[in-house]
Protein backbone atom coordinates (compact mmCIF):
# COMPACT_ATOMS: atom_id res chain seq x y z
CA UNK A 1 16.15 17.68 2.98
CA UNK A 2 14.06 17.34 -0.18
CA UNK A 3 12.57 14.10 -1.42
CA UNK A 4 12.05 14.15 -5.17
CA UNK A 5 10.32 11.72 -7.50
CA UNK A 6 10.03 11.59 -11.27
CA UNK A 7 8.19 9.23 -13.56
CA UNK A 8 5.17 6.97 -13.44
CA UNK A 9 5.97 4.64 -10.55
CA UNK A 10 3.64 1.74 -9.73
CA UNK A 11 3.54 -0.47 -6.67
CA UNK A 12 4.51 -3.53 -8.72
CA UNK A 13 7.62 -1.94 -10.30
CA UNK A 14 11.00 -3.43 -9.43
CA UNK A 15 13.07 -1.13 -7.20
CA UNK A 16 16.85 -0.79 -7.43
CA UNK A 17 18.35 1.14 -4.51
CA UNK A 18 21.61 2.43 -5.94
CA UNK A 19 22.65 4.67 -3.06
CA UNK A 20 21.72 4.75 0.62
CA UNK A 21 24.08 6.19 3.18
CA UNK A 22 21.50 6.54 5.93
CA UNK A 23 20.74 10.17 5.05
CA UNK A 24 20.69 10.38 1.28
CA UNK A 25 19.24 7.77 -1.03
CA UNK A 26 18.58 7.14 -4.70
CA UNK A 27 16.32 4.44 -6.13
CA UNK A 28 15.45 3.57 -9.73
CA UNK A 29 12.17 1.91 -10.68
CA UNK A 30 11.74 -0.41 -13.63
CA UNK A 31 8.95 -2.22 -15.43
CA UNK A 32 9.49 -4.66 -18.30
CA UNK A 33 13.19 -3.83 -18.35
CA UNK A 34 12.65 -0.08 -18.78
CA UNK A 35 13.31 2.80 -16.39
CA UNK A 36 9.95 4.13 -15.18
CA UNK A 37 10.94 6.43 -12.36
CA UNK A 38 13.42 7.63 -9.79
CA UNK A 39 13.09 8.68 -6.16
CA UNK A 40 15.82 10.39 -4.22
CA UNK A 41 16.50 12.36 -1.07
CA UNK A 42 19.28 14.89 -0.84
CA UNK A 43 20.46 14.17 -4.39
CA UNK A 44 18.54 16.58 -6.64
CA UNK A 45 21.13 16.53 -9.43
CA UNK A 46 21.09 12.74 -9.63
CA UNK A 47 17.29 12.66 -9.74
CA UNK A 48 16.98 15.34 -12.43
CA UNK A 49 19.66 13.68 -14.56
CA UNK A 50 17.23 10.78 -15.10
CA UNK A 51 14.41 12.91 -16.55
CA UNK A 52 15.34 12.32 -20.19
CA UNK A 53 16.06 8.64 -19.64
CA UNK A 54 12.65 8.12 -18.04
CA UNK A 55 10.94 9.93 -20.93
CA UNK A 56 12.86 7.78 -23.42
CA UNK A 57 12.08 4.55 -21.57
CA UNK A 58 15.78 3.75 -21.32
CA UNK A 59 16.73 0.13 -20.63
CA UNK A 60 17.44 -0.39 -16.93
CA UNK A 61 20.60 -2.32 -17.86
CA UNK A 62 21.95 0.89 -19.40
CA UNK A 63 21.22 2.82 -16.21
CA UNK A 64 22.66 0.22 -13.83
CA UNK A 65 25.76 -0.58 -15.92
CA UNK A 66 28.97 0.28 -14.08
CA UNK A 67 30.82 3.27 -15.45
CA UNK A 68 34.54 3.14 -16.08
């Protein structure tokens, strides 16, 4: 299983674990309300999908908002 990370993650960033089933996980990192990074295991598509949002400094509220 691959662990992937994107972005500029710091130790003092806030972590939002959005998926963890015991094998696969996905966590978003934020600083000052902006997405700074993502770390995931076994979810390469979900990690790579965040590349543009990290580069744009997308608001974390946009990322965490429930989808209909």
